[in-house]
């Protein structure tokens, strides 16, 4: 059974930082790309950043570029989202996502809540 488990969310003040983690588990599971999404209250879910497992070429939404570097640790099957200079507009539930190589099924984590206070 494939699982994506996010952690690292919480309450942080304006200008602060958080690091989110997403651990992928599942016997023989492989995918090409890991993505971070977020969904703020009353808004649609949006992609924040993505990174392939095999090459170090991350991609970002324009509004996140430079603030939210995404990295991965292949040995730990874990992807990270370092969130810097946070503002209340970054308040959202953050999800990690991937698509299985075999079969193309989507997998989502349950999300981790990030709240930024002013």
PDB file of N, CA and C in Angstrom:
ATOM      1  N   UNK A   1       0.850  -1.192   0.000  1.00  0.00           N
ATOM      2  CA  UNK A   1       0.000   0.000   0.000  1.00  0.00           C
ATOM      3  C   UNK A   1       0.881   1.236   0.000  1.00  0.00           C
ATOM      4  N   UNK A   2       0.587   2.148  -0.905  1.00  0.00           N
ATOM      5  CA  UNK A   2       1.378   3.367  -1.024  1.00  0.00           C
ATOM      6  C   UNK A   2       0.841   4.420  -0.069  1.00  0.00           C
ATOM      7  N   UNK A   3       1.751   5.051   0.625  1.00  0.00           N
ATOM      8  CA  UNK A   3       1.362   6.140   1.521  1.00  0.00           C
ATOM      9  C   UNK A   3       2.281   7.317   1.340  1.00  0.00           C
ATOM     10  N   UNK A   4       1.693   8.499   1.356  1.00  0.00           N
ATOM     11  CA  UNK A   4       2.437   9.749   1.384  1.00  0.00           C
ATOM     12  C   UNK A   4       2.048  10.425   2.700  1.00  0.00           C
ATOM     13  N   UNK A   5       3.029  10.700   3.525  1.00  0.00           N
ATOM     14  CA  UNK A   5       2.754  11.264   4.839  1.00  0.00           C
ATOM     15  C   UNK A   5       3.506  12.574   4.991  1.00  0.00           C
ATOM     16  N   UNK A   6       2.737  13.651   5.107  1.00  0.00           N
ATOM     17  CA  UNK A   6       3.334  14.968   5.308  1.00  0.00           C
ATOM     18  C   UNK A   6       3.507  15.253   6.796  1.00  0.00           C
ATOM     19  N   UNK A   7       4.476  16.084   7.099  1.00  0.00           N
ATOM     20  CA  UNK A   7       4.679  16.548   8.463  1.00  0.00           C
ATOM     21  C   UNK A   7       5.390  17.892   8.421  1.00  0.00           C
ATOM     22  N   UNK A   8       5.385  18.563   9.567  1.00  0.00           N
ATOM     23  CA  UNK A   8       6.132  19.807   9.673  1.00  0.00           C
ATOM     24  C   UNK A   8       5.289  21.057   9.685  1.00  0.00           C
ATOM     25  N   UNK A   9       3.989  20.932   9.491  1.00  0.00           N
ATOM     26  CA  UNK A   9       3.137  22.114   9.526  1.00  0.00           C
ATOM     27  C   UNK A   9       2.967  22.633  10.941  1.00  0.00           C
ATOM     28  N   UNK A  10       2.330  23.794  11.043  1.00  0.00           N
ATOM     29  CA  UNK A  10       2.095  24.374  12.355  1.00  0.00           C
ATOM     30  C   UNK A  10       1.810  25.843  12.256  1.00  0.00           C
ATOM     31  N   UNK A  11       1.874  26.503  13.380  1.00  0.00           N
ATOM     32  CA  UNK A  11       1.623  27.943  13.475  1.00  0.00           C
ATOM     33  C   UNK A  11       2.954  28.678  13.511  1.00  0.00           C
ATOM     34  N   UNK A  12       3.064  29.687  12.663  1.00  0.00           N
ATOM     35  CA  UNK A  12       4.298  30.462  12.597  1.00  0.00           C
ATOM     36  C   UNK A  12       3.935  31.928  12.401  1.00  0.00           C
ATOM     37  N   UNK A  13       4.794  32.799  12.863  1.00  0.00           N
ATOM     38  CA  UNK A  13       4.543  34.234  12.725  1.00  0.00           C
ATOM     39  C   UNK A  13       4.997  34.748  11.362  1.00  0.00           C
ATOM     40  N   UNK A  14       4.464  35.888  11.002  1.00  0.00           N
ATOM     41  CA  UNK A  14       4.853  36.580   9.766  1.00  0.00           C
ATOM     42  C   UNK A  14       6.380  36.671   9.663  1.00  0.00           C
ATOM     43  N   UNK A  15       6.903  36.256   8.511  1.00  0.00           N
ATOM     44  CA  UNK A  15       8.333  36.306   8.281  1.00  0.00           C
ATOM     45  C   UNK A  15       9.090  35.074   8.713  1.00  0.00           C
ATOM     46  N   UNK A  16       8.404  34.159   9.350  1.00  0.00           N
ATOM     47  CA  UNK A  16       9.057  32.952   9.848  1.00  0.00           C
ATOM     48  C   UNK A  16       9.245  31.888   8.780  1.00  0.00           C
ATOM     49  N   UNK A  17       9.759  30.750   9.212  1.00  0.00           N
ATOM     50  CA  UNK A  17      10.057  29.644   8.313  1.00  0.00           C
ATOM     51  C   UNK A  17       9.538  28.333   8.883  1.00  0.00           C
ATOM     52  N   UNK A  18       9.252  27.422   7.977  1.00  0.00           N
ATOM     53  CA  UNK A  18       8.896  26.053   8.330  1.00  0.00           C
ATOM     54  C   UNK A  18       9.484  25.138   7.266  1.00  0.00           C
ATOM     55  N   UNK A  19       9.762  23.900   7.663  1.00  0.00           N
ATOM     56  CA  UNK A  19      10.168  22.894   6.677  1.00  0.00           C
ATOM     57  C   UNK A  19       9.178  21.743   6.723  1.00  0.00           C
ATOM     58  N   UNK A  20       8.553  21.522   5.590  1.00  0.00           N
ATOM     59  CA  UNK A  20       7.628  20.404   5.464  1.00  0.00           C
ATOM     60  C   UNK A  20       8.363  19.190   4.908  1.00  0.00           C
ATOM     61  N   UNK A  21       7.911  18.032   5.340  1.00  0.00           N
ATOM     62  CA  UNK A  21       8.462  16.778   4.840  1.00  0.00           C
ATOM     63  C   UNK A  21       7.327  15.914   4.295  1.00  0.00           C
ATOM     64  N   UNK A  22       7.652  15.125   3.298  1.00  0.00           N
ATOM     65  CA  UNK A  22       6.700  14.162   2.763  1.00  0.00           C
ATOM     66  C   UNK A  22       7.446  12.849   2.548  1.00  0.00           C
ATOM     67  N   UNK A  23       7.096  11.855   3.310  1.00  0.00           N
ATOM     68  CA  UNK A  23       7.723  10.542   3.183  1.00  0.00           C
ATOM     69  C   UNK A  23       6.816   9.625   2.376  1.00  0.00           C
ATOM     70  N   UNK A  24       7.416   8.976   1.398  1.00  0.00           N
ATOM     71  CA  UNK A  24       6.686   8.052   0.536  1.00  0.00           C
ATOM     72  C   UNK A  24       7.038   6.629   0.929  1.00  0.00           C
ATOM     73  N   UNK A  25       6.040   5.822   1.160  1.00  0.00           N
ATOM     74  CA  UNK A  25       6.285   4.418   1.475  1.00  0.00           C
ATOM     75  C   UNK A  25       5.392   3.543   0.611  1.00  0.00           C
ATOM     76  N   UNK A  26       5.853   2.335   0.404  1.00  0.00           N
ATOM     77  CA  UNK A  26       5.085   1.409  -0.422  1.00  0.00           C
ATOM     78  C   UNK A  26       6.016   0.477  -1.139  1.00  0.00           C
ATOM     79  N   UNK A  27       5.778  -0.778  -0.992  1.00  0.00           N
ATOM     80  CA  UNK A  27       6.678  -1.776  -1.532  1.00  0.00           C
ATOM     81  C   UNK A  27       6.779  -1.656  -3.042  1.00  0.00           C
ATOM     82  N   UNK A  28       7.987  -1.485  -3.512  1.00  0.00           N
ATOM     83  CA  UNK A  28       8.283  -1.441  -4.951  1.00  0.00           C
ATOM     84  C   UNK A  28       7.611  -0.270  -5.672  1.00  0.00           C
ATOM     85  N   UNK A  29       7.185   0.716  -4.919  1.00  0.00           N
ATOM     86  CA  UNK A  29       6.537   1.858  -5.551  1.00  0.00           C
ATOM     87  C   UNK A  29       7.580   2.776  -6.169  1.00  0.00           C
ATOM     88  N   UNK A  30       7.310   3.219  -7.398  1.00  0.00           N
ATOM     89  CA  UNK A  30       8.191   4.193  -8.020  1.00  0.00           C
ATOM     90  C   UNK A  30       7.354   5.241  -8.732  1.00  0.00           C
ATOM     91  N   UNK A  31       7.905   6.424  -8.762  1.00  0.00           N
ATOM     92  CA  UNK A  31       7.266   7.514  -9.487  1.00  0.00           C
ATOM     93  C   UNK A  31       8.358   8.396 -10.056  1.00  0.00           C
ATOM     94  N   UNK A  32       7.978   9.287 -10.940  1.00  0.00           N
ATOM     95  CA  UNK A  32       8.952  10.151 -11.575  1.00  0.00           C
ATOM     96  C   UNK A  32       9.146  11.480 -10.859  1.00  0.00           C
ATOM     97  N   UNK A  33       8.026  12.061 -10.427  1.00  0.00           N
ATOM     98  CA  UNK A  33       8.057  13.436  -9.924  1.00  0.00           C
ATOM     99  C   UNK A  33       7.237  13.523  -8.640  1.00  0.00           C
ATOM    100  N   UNK A  34       7.740  14.293  -7.708  1.00  0.00           N
ATOM    101  CA  UNK A  34       6.983  14.620  -6.499  1.00  0.00           C
ATOM    102  C   UNK A  34       6.559  16.085  -6.575  1.00  0.00           C
ATOM    103  N   UNK A  35       5.339  16.332  -6.141  1.00  0.00           N
ATOM    104  CA  UNK A  35       4.819  17.694  -6.176  1.00  0.00           C
ATOM    105  C   UNK A  35       4.279  18.095  -4.810  1.00  0.00           C
ATOM    106  N   UNK A  36       4.403  19.374  -4.523  1.00  0.00           N
ATOM    107  CA  UNK A  36       3.753  19.989  -3.369  1.00  0.00           C
ATOM    108  C   UNK A  36       2.622  20.874  -3.892  1.00  0.00           C
ATOM    109  N   UNK A  37       1.444  20.689  -3.310  1.00  0.00           N
ATOM    110  CA  UNK A  37       0.294  21.537  -3.578  1.00  0.00           C
ATOM    111  C   UNK A  37      -0.110  22.223  -2.280  1.00  0.00           C
ATOM    112  N   UNK A  38      -0.906  23.248  -2.427  1.00  0.00           N
ATOM    113  CA  UNK A  38      -1.521  23.844  -1.255  1.00  0.00           C
ATOM    114  C   UNK A  38      -2.936  24.281  -1.588  1.00  0.00           C
ATOM    115  N   UNK A  39      -3.774  24.325  -0.546  1.00  0.00           N
ATOM    116  CA  UNK A  39      -5.138  24.781  -0.710  1.00  0.00           C
ATOM    117  C   UNK A  39      -5.493  25.677   0.458  1.00  0.00           C
ATOM    118  N   UNK A  40      -5.700  26.938   0.140  1.00  0.00           N
ATOM    119  CA  UNK A  40      -6.089  27.916   1.146  1.00  0.00           C
ATOM    120  C   UNK A  40      -7.610  27.888   1.290  1.00  0.00           C
ATOM    121  N   UNK A  41      -8.114  28.356   2.407  1.00  0.00           N
ATOM    122  CA  UNK A  41      -9.561  28.375   2.615  1.00  0.00           C
ATOM    123  C   UNK A  41     -10.287  29.122   1.498  1.00  0.00           C
ATOM    124  N   UNK A  42     -11.273  28.475   0.906  1.00  0.00           N
ATOM    125  CA  UNK A  42     -12.062  29.109  -0.134  1.00  0.00           C
ATOM    126  C   UNK A  42     -11.391  29.218  -1.485  1.00  0.00           C
ATOM    127  N   UNK A  43     -10.230  28.594  -1.621  1.00  0.00           N
ATOM    128  CA  UNK A  43      -9.502  28.691  -2.891  1.00  0.00           C
ATOM    129  C   UNK A  43      -9.243  27.297  -3.460  1.00  0.00           C
ATOM    130  N   UNK A  44      -8.890  27.279  -4.743  1.00  0.00           N
ATOM    131  CA  UNK A  44      -8.577  26.014  -5.383  1.00  0.00           C
ATOM    132  C   UNK A  44      -7.181  25.534  -4.995  1.00  0.00           C
ATOM    133  N   UNK A  45      -7.005  24.237  -5.110  1.00  0.00           N
ATOM    134  CA  UNK A  45      -5.692  23.677  -4.840  1.00  0.00           C
ATOM    135  C   UNK A  45      -4.724  24.099  -5.948  1.00  0.00           C
ATOM    136  N   UNK A  46      -3.519  24.493  -5.563  1.00  0.00           N
ATOM    137  CA  UNK A  46      -2.539  24.947  -6.549  1.00  0.00           C
ATOM    138  C   UNK A  46      -1.205  24.258  -6.312  1.00  0.00           C
ATOM    139  N   UNK A  47      -0.485  24.051  -7.403  1.00  0.00           N
ATOM    140  CA  UNK A  47       0.830  23.438  -7.310  1.00  0.00           C
ATOM    141  C   UNK A  47       1.858  24.482  -6.895  1.00  0.00           C
ATOM    142  N   UNK A  48       2.632  24.149  -5.908  1.00  0.00           N
ATOM    143  CA  UNK A  48       3.637  25.057  -5.367  1.00  0.00           C
ATOM    144  C   UNK A  48       5.010  24.787  -5.975  1.00  0.00           C
ATOM    145  N   UNK A  49       5.363  23.511  -5.998  1.00  0.00           N
ATOM    146  CA  UNK A  49       6.696  23.137  -6.463  1.00  0.00           C
ATOM    147  C   UNK A  49       6.697  21.660  -6.831  1.00  0.00           C
ATOM    148  N   UNK A  50       7.675  21.283  -7.648  1.00  0.00           N
ATOM    149  CA  UNK A  50       7.836  19.882  -7.991  1.00  0.00           C
ATOM    150  C   UNK A  50       9.299  19.559  -8.205  1.00  0.00           C
ATOM    151  N   UNK A  51       9.640  18.304  -8.003  1.00  0.00           N
ATOM    152  CA  UNK A  51      11.023  17.881  -8.202  1.00  0.00           C
ATOM    153  C   UNK A  51      11.034  16.426  -8.645  1.00  0.00           C
ATOM    154  N   UNK A  52      11.799  16.110  -9.677  1.00  0.00           N
ATOM    155  CA  UNK A  52      11.925  14.712 -10.094  1.00  0.00           C
ATOM    156  C   UNK A  52      12.795  13.942  -9.115  1.00  0.00           C
ATOM    157  N   UNK A  53      12.611  12.636  -9.079  1.00  0.00           N
ATOM    158  CA  UNK A  53      13.449  11.790  -8.231  1.00  0.00           C
ATOM    159  C   UNK A  53      14.844  11.609  -8.838  1.00  0.00           C
ATOM    160  N   UNK A  54      14.922  11.650 -10.166  1.00  0.00           N
ATOM    161  CA  UNK A  54      16.171  11.222 -10.805  1.00  0.00           C
ATOM    162  C   UNK A  54      17.105  12.358 -11.201  1.00  0.00           C
ATOM    163  N   UNK A  55      16.604  13.558 -11.329  1.00  0.00           N
ATOM    164  CA  UNK A  55      17.471  14.684 -11.684  1.00  0.00           C
ATOM    165  C   UNK A  55      17.126  15.877 -10.798  1.00  0.00           C
ATOM    166  N   UNK A  56      18.084  16.698 -10.551  1.00  0.00           N
ATOM    167  CA  UNK A  56      17.903  17.798  -9.602  1.00  0.00           C
ATOM    168  C   UNK A  56      17.479  19.054 -10.331  1.00  0.00           C
ATOM    169  N   UNK A  57      16.280  19.017 -10.890  1.00  0.00           N
ATOM    170  CA  UNK A  57      15.748  20.170 -11.608  1.00  0.00           C
ATOM    171  C   UNK A  57      14.364  20.474 -11.052  1.00  0.00           C
ATOM    172  N   UNK A  58      14.297  21.233  -9.972  1.00  0.00           N
ATOM    173  CA  UNK A  58      12.991  21.582  -9.420  1.00  0.00           C
ATOM    174  C   UNK A  58      12.294  22.648 -10.255  1.00  0.00           C
ATOM    175  N   UNK A  59      10.993  22.713 -10.131  1.00  0.00           N
ATOM    176  CA  UNK A  59      10.203  23.735 -10.781  1.00  0.00           C
ATOM    177  C   UNK A  59       9.257  24.327  -9.749  1.00  0.00           C
ATOM    178  N   UNK A  60       8.946  25.623  -9.963  1.00  0.00           N
ATOM    179  CA  UNK A  60       8.155  26.337  -8.968  1.00  0.00           C
ATOM    180  C   UNK A  60       7.054  27.156  -9.622  1.00  0.00           C
ATOM    181  N   UNK A  61       5.970  27.363  -8.858  1.00  0.00           N
ATOM    182  CA  UNK A  61       5.017  28.373  -9.258  1.00  0.00           C
ATOM    183  C   UNK A  61       5.714  29.731  -9.179  1.00  0.00           C
ATOM    184  N   UNK A  62       5.342  30.627 -10.072  1.00  0.00           N
ATOM    185  CA  UNK A  62       6.033  31.925 -10.126  1.00  0.00           C
ATOM    186  C   UNK A  62       5.991  32.659  -8.790  1.00  0.00           C
ATOM    187  N   UNK A  63       4.887  32.550  -8.090  1.00  0.00           N
ATOM    188  CA  UNK A  63       4.743  33.295  -6.835  1.00  0.00           C
ATOM    189  C   UNK A  63       5.596  32.713  -5.708  1.00  0.00           C
ATOM    190  N   UNK A  64       6.094  31.482  -5.874  1.00  0.00           N
ATOM    191  CA  UNK A  64       6.878  30.826  -4.825  1.00  0.00           C
ATOM    192  C   UNK A  64       8.379  30.878  -5.111  1.00  0.00           C
ATOM    193  N   UNK A  65       8.717  31.229  -6.340  1.00  0.00           N
ATOM    194  CA  UNK A  65      10.116  31.105  -6.738  1.00  0.00           C
ATOM    195  C   UNK A  65      11.027  31.872  -5.798  1.00  0.00           C
ATOM    196  N   UNK A  66      12.019  31.194  -5.296  1.00  0.00           N
ATOM    197  CA  UNK A  66      12.999  31.806  -4.418  1.00  0.00           C
ATOM    198  C   UNK A  66      12.649  31.727  -2.949  1.00  0.00           C
ATOM    199  N   UNK A  67      11.387  31.497  -2.630  1.00  0.00           N
ATOM    200  CA  UNK A  67      10.998  31.455  -1.210  1.00  0.00           C
ATOM    201  C   UNK A  67      10.845  30.041  -0.681  1.00  0.00           C
ATOM    202  N   UNK A  68      10.430  29.126  -1.548  1.00  0.00           N
ATOM    203  CA  UNK A  68      10.092  27.770  -1.112  1.00  0.00           C
ATOM    204  C   UNK A  68      10.946  26.733  -1.840  1.00  0.00           C
ATOM    205  N   UNK A  69      12.217  26.630  -1.569  1.00  0.00           N
ATOM    206  CA  UNK A  69      13.014  25.606  -2.248  1.00  0.00           C
ATOM    207  C   UNK A  69      12.540  24.198  -1.903  1.00  0.00           C
ATOM    208  N   UNK A  70      12.495  23.355  -2.944  1.00  0.00           N
ATOM    209  CA  UNK A  70      12.096  21.962  -2.756  1.00  0.00           C
ATOM    210  C   UNK A  70      13.324  21.077  -2.966  1.00  0.00           C
ATOM    211  N   UNK A  71      13.484  20.128  -2.085  1.00  0.00           N
ATOM    212  CA  UNK A  71      14.602  19.196  -2.161  1.00  0.00           C
ATOM    213  C   UNK A  71      14.095  17.787  -1.882  1.00  0.00           C
ATOM    214  N   UNK A  72      14.964  16.812  -2.085  1.00  0.00           N
ATOM    215  CA  UNK A  72      14.583  15.429  -1.834  1.00  0.00           C
ATOM    216  C   UNK A  72      15.775  14.650  -1.332  1.00  0.00           C
ATOM    217  N   UNK A  73      15.452  13.562  -0.627  1.00  0.00           N
ATOM    218  CA  UNK A  73      16.459  12.621  -0.155  1.00  0.00           C
ATOM    219  C   UNK A  73      16.012  11.252  -0.647  1.00  0.00           C
ATOM    220  N   UNK A  74      16.625  10.786  -1.723  1.00  0.00           N
ATOM    221  CA  UNK A  74      16.192   9.521  -2.322  1.00  0.00           C
ATOM    222  C   UNK A  74      16.369   8.351  -1.367  1.00  0.00           C
ATOM    223  N   UNK A  75      17.398   8.390  -0.555  1.00  0.00           N
ATOM    224  CA  UNK A  75      17.651   7.285   0.371  1.00  0.00           C
ATOM    225  C   UNK A  75      16.533   7.153   1.399  1.00  0.00           C
ATOM    226  N   UNK A  76      15.903   8.278   1.704  1.00  0.00           N
ATOM    227  CA  UNK A  76      14.820   8.282   2.697  1.00  0.00           C
ATOM    228  C   UNK A  76      13.442   8.332   2.050  1.00  0.00           C
ATOM    229  N   UNK A  77      13.401   8.343   0.724  1.00  0.00           N
ATOM    230  CA  UNK A  77      12.114   8.469   0.016  1.00  0.00           C
ATOM    231  C   UNK A  77      11.313   9.659   0.538  1.00  0.00           C
ATOM    232  N   UNK A  78      11.989  10.754   0.733  1.00  0.00           N
ATOM    233  CA  UNK A  78      11.379  11.917   1.366  1.00  0.00           C
ATOM    234  C   UNK A  78      11.661  13.167   0.553  1.00  0.00           C
ATOM    235  N   UNK A  79      10.634  13.984   0.459  1.00  0.00           N
ATOM    236  CA  UNK A  79      10.739  15.278  -0.213  1.00  0.00           C
ATOM    237  C   UNK A  79      10.476  16.368   0.816  1.00  0.00           C
ATOM    238  N   UNK A  80      11.177  17.475   0.646  1.00  0.00           N
ATOM    239  CA  UNK A  80      11.068  18.561   1.607  1.00  0.00           C
ATOM    240  C   UNK A  80      10.640  19.851   0.915  1.00  0.00           C
ATOM    241  N   UNK A  81       9.931  20.681   1.651  1.00  0.00           N
ATOM    242  CA  UNK A  81       9.600  22.019   1.170  1.00  0.00           C
ATOM    243  C   UNK A  81      10.014  23.002   2.263  1.00  0.00           C
ATOM    244  N   UNK A  82      11.054  23.731   1.995  1.00  0.00           N
ATOM    245  CA  UNK A  82      11.524  24.744   2.940  1.00  0.00           C
ATOM    246  C   UNK A  82      10.758  26.032   2.657  1.00  0.00           C
ATOM    247  N   UNK A  83      10.004  26.487   3.624  1.00  0.00           N
ATOM    248  CA  UNK A  83       9.140  27.647   3.435  1.00  0.00           C
ATOM    249  C   UNK A  83       9.715  28.837   4.203  1.00  0.00           C
ATOM    250  N   UNK A  84      10.101  29.858   3.479  1.00  0.00           N
ATOM    251  CA  UNK A  84      10.761  31.023   4.070  1.00  0.00           C
ATOM    252  C   UNK A  84       9.936  32.294   3.873  1.00  0.00           C
ATOM    253  N   UNK A  85      10.172  33.261   4.738  1.00  0.00           N
ATOM    254  CA  UNK A  85       9.511  34.575   4.650  1.00  0.00           C
ATOM    255  C   UNK A  85       7.999  34.404   4.495  1.00  0.00           C
ATOM    256  N   UNK A  86       7.455  33.641   5.395  1.00  0.00           N
ATOM    257  CA  UNK A  86       6.039  33.317   5.313  1.00  0.00           C
ATOM    258  C   UNK A  86       5.155  34.529   5.601  1.00  0.00           C
ATOM    259  N   UNK A  87       4.036  34.568   4.914  1.00  0.00           N
ATOM    260  CA  UNK A  87       3.034  35.615   5.107  1.00  0.00           C
ATOM    261  C   UNK A  87       1.683  34.950   5.368  1.00  0.00           C
ATOM    262  N   UNK A  88       0.719  35.710   5.872  1.00  0.00           N
ATOM    263  CA  UNK A  88      -0.610  35.110   6.096  1.00  0.00           C
ATOM    264  C   UNK A  88      -1.216  34.517   4.820  1.00  0.00           C
ATOM    265  N   UNK A  89      -0.822  35.028   3.656  1.00  0.00           N
ATOM    266  CA  UNK A  89      -1.332  34.489   2.388  1.00  0.00           C
ATOM    267  C   UNK A  89      -0.818  33.070   2.118  1.00  0.00           C
ATOM    268  N   UNK A  90       0.168  32.642   2.852  1.00  0.00           N
ATOM    269  CA  UNK A  90       0.674  31.277   2.709  1.00  0.00           C
ATOM    270  C   UNK A  90      -0.089  30.286   3.580  1.00  0.00           C
ATOM    271  N   UNK A  91      -1.016  30.785   4.380  1.00  0.00           N
ATOM    272  CA  UNK A  91      -1.824  29.899   5.206  1.00  0.00           C
ATOM    273  C   UNK A  91      -2.644  28.962   4.322  1.00  0.00           C
ATOM    274  N   UNK A  92      -2.490  27.666   4.541  1.00  0.00           N
ATOM    275  CA  UNK A  92      -3.144  26.668   3.691  1.00  0.00           C
ATOM    276  C   UNK A  92      -2.837  25.283   4.240  1.00  0.00           C
ATOM    277  N   UNK A  93      -3.541  24.315   3.699  1.00  0.00           N
ATOM    278  CA  UNK A  93      -3.155  22.925   3.898  1.00  0.00           C
ATOM    279  C   UNK A  93      -2.226  22.558   2.747  1.00  0.00           C
ATOM    280  N   UNK A  94      -1.092  21.991   3.088  1.00  0.00           N
ATOM    281  CA  UNK A  94      -0.086  21.624   2.097  1.00  0.00           C
ATOM    282  C   UNK A  94      -0.097  20.110   1.913  1.00  0.00           C
ATOM    283  N   UNK A  95      -0.149  19.714   0.647  1.00  0.00           N
ATOM    284  CA  UNK A  95      -0.240  18.303   0.295  1.00  0.00           C
ATOM    285  C   UNK A  95       0.937  17.911  -0.588  1.00  0.00           C
ATOM    286  N   UNK A  96       1.384  16.688  -0.446  1.00  0.00           N
ATOM    287  CA  UNK A  96       2.308  16.162  -1.439  1.00  0.00           C
ATOM    288  C   UNK A  96       1.558  15.180  -2.330  1.00  0.00           C
ATOM    289  N   UNK A  97       2.079  15.033  -3.520  1.00  0.00           N
ATOM    290  CA  UNK A  97       1.379  14.292  -4.572  1.00  0.00           C
ATOM    291  C   UNK A  97       2.394  13.634  -5.486  1.00  0.00           C
ATOM    292  N   UNK A  98       2.006  12.483  -6.005  1.00  0.00           N
ATOM    293  CA  UNK A  98       2.806  11.861  -7.035  1.00  0.00           C
ATOM    294  C   UNK A  98       1.916  10.969  -7.888  1.00  0.00           C
ATOM    295  N   UNK A  99       2.478  10.536  -8.998  1.00  0.00           N
ATOM    296  CA  UNK A  99       1.784   9.625  -9.912  1.00  0.00           C
ATOM    297  C   UNK A  99       2.647   8.386 -10.065  1.00  0.00           C
ATOM    298  N   UNK A 100       2.064   7.226  -9.884  1.00  0.00           N
ATOM    299  CA  UNK A 100       2.823   5.982  -9.978  1.00  0.00           C
ATOM    300  C   UNK A 100       3.285   5.743 -11.408  1.00  0.00           C
ATOM    301  N   UNK A 101       4.518   5.259 -11.547  1.00  0.00           N
ATOM    302  CA  UNK A 101       5.005   4.888 -12.872  1.00  0.00           C
ATOM    303  C   UNK A 101       4.148   3.778 -13.471  1.00  0.00           C
ATOM    304  N   UNK A 102       3.845   2.794 -12.669  1.00  0.00           N
ATOM    305  CA  UNK A 102       3.046   1.667 -13.141  1.00  0.00           C
ATOM    306  C   UNK A 102       1.566   1.970 -12.953  1.00  0.00           C
ATOM    307  N   UNK A 103       0.868   2.153 -14.026  1.00  0.00           N
ATOM    308  CA  UNK A 103      -0.572   2.355 -13.924  1.00  0.00           C
ATOM    309  C   UNK A 103      -1.034   3.795 -13.911  1.00  0.00           C
ATOM    310  N   UNK A 104      -0.148   4.701 -13.573  1.00  0.00           N
ATOM    311  CA  UNK A 104      -0.498   6.112 -13.623  1.00  0.00           C
ATOM    312  C   UNK A 104      -1.465   6.582 -12.547  1.00  0.00           C
ATOM    313  N   UNK A 105      -1.593   5.854 -11.452  1.00  0.00           N
ATOM    314  CA  UNK A 105      -2.529   6.262 -10.408  1.00  0.00           C
ATOM    315  C   UNK A 105      -1.966   7.438  -9.616  1.00  0.00           C
ATOM    316  N   UNK A 106      -2.879   8.363  -9.248  1.00  0.00           N
ATOM    317  CA  UNK A 106      -2.504   9.503  -8.406  1.00  0.00           C
ATOM    318  C   UNK A 106      -2.496   9.109  -6.947  1.00  0.00           C
ATOM    319  N   UNK A 107      -1.525   9.656  -6.230  1.00  0.00           N
ATOM    320  CA  UNK A 107      -1.473   9.468  -4.792  1.00  0.00           C
ATOM    321  C   UNK A 107      -1.297  10.824  -4.120  1.00  0.00           C
ATOM    322  N   UNK A 108      -2.094  11.005  -3.056  1.00  0.00           N
ATOM    323  CA  UNK A 108      -2.038  12.237  -2.274  1.00  0.00           C
ATOM    324  C   UNK A 108      -1.805  11.903  -0.812  1.00  0.00           C
ATOM    325  N   UNK A 109      -1.084  12.797  -0.138  1.00  0.00           N
ATOM    326  CA  UNK A 109      -1.036  12.714   1.303  1.00  0.00           C
ATOM    327  C   UNK A 109      -2.288  13.338   1.896  1.00  0.00           C
ATOM    328  N   UNK A 110      -2.418  13.249   3.208  1.00  0.00           N
ATOM    329  CA  UNK A 110      -3.596  13.810   3.873  1.00  0.00           C
ATOM    330  C   UNK A 110      -3.444  15.300   4.138  1.00  0.00           C
ATOM    331  N   UNK A 111      -2.243  15.808   3.984  1.00  0.00           N
ATOM    332  CA  UNK A 111      -2.021  17.230   4.145  1.00  0.00           C
ATOM    333  C   UNK A 111      -1.536  17.614   5.528  1.00  0.00           C
ATOM    334  N   UNK A 112      -0.866  18.749   5.559  1.00  0.00           N
ATOM    335  CA  UNK A 112      -0.421  19.325   6.828  1.00  0.00           C
ATOM    336  C   UNK A 112      -0.752  20.811   6.814  1.00  0.00           C
ATOM    337  N   UNK A 113      -1.325  21.286   7.902  1.00  0.00           N
ATOM    338  CA  UNK A 113      -1.813  22.666   7.957  1.00  0.00           C
ATOM    339  C   UNK A 113      -0.700  23.618   8.358  1.00  0.00           C
ATOM    340  N   UNK A 114      -0.577  24.666   7.577  1.00  0.00           N
ATOM    341  CA  UNK A 114       0.343  25.756   7.883  1.00  0.00           C
ATOM    342  C   UNK A 114      -0.481  27.014   8.114  1.00  0.00           C
ATOM    343  N   UNK A 115      -0.289  27.617   9.270  1.00  0.00           N
ATOM    344  CA  UNK A 115      -0.998  28.844   9.612  1.00  0.00           C
ATOM    345  C   UNK A 115       0.025  29.922   9.925  1.00  0.00           C
ATOM    346  N   UNK A 116      -0.086  31.033   9.235  1.00  0.00           N
ATOM    347  CA  UNK A 116       0.837  32.145   9.432  1.00  0.00           C
ATOM    348  C   UNK A 116       0.065  33.307  10.045  1.00  0.00           C
ATOM    349  N   UNK A 117       0.499  33.721  11.210  1.00  0.00           N
ATOM    350  CA  UNK A 117      -0.176  34.811  11.900  1.00  0.00           C
ATOM    351  C   UNK A 117       0.535  36.125  11.634  1.00  0.00           C
ATOM    352  N   UNK A 118      -0.241  37.187  11.669  1.00  0.00           N
ATOM    353  CA  UNK A 118       0.342  38.518  11.443  1.00  0.00           C
ATOM    354  C   UNK A 118       0.595  39.227  12.761  1.00  0.00           C
TER     355      UNK A 118
END
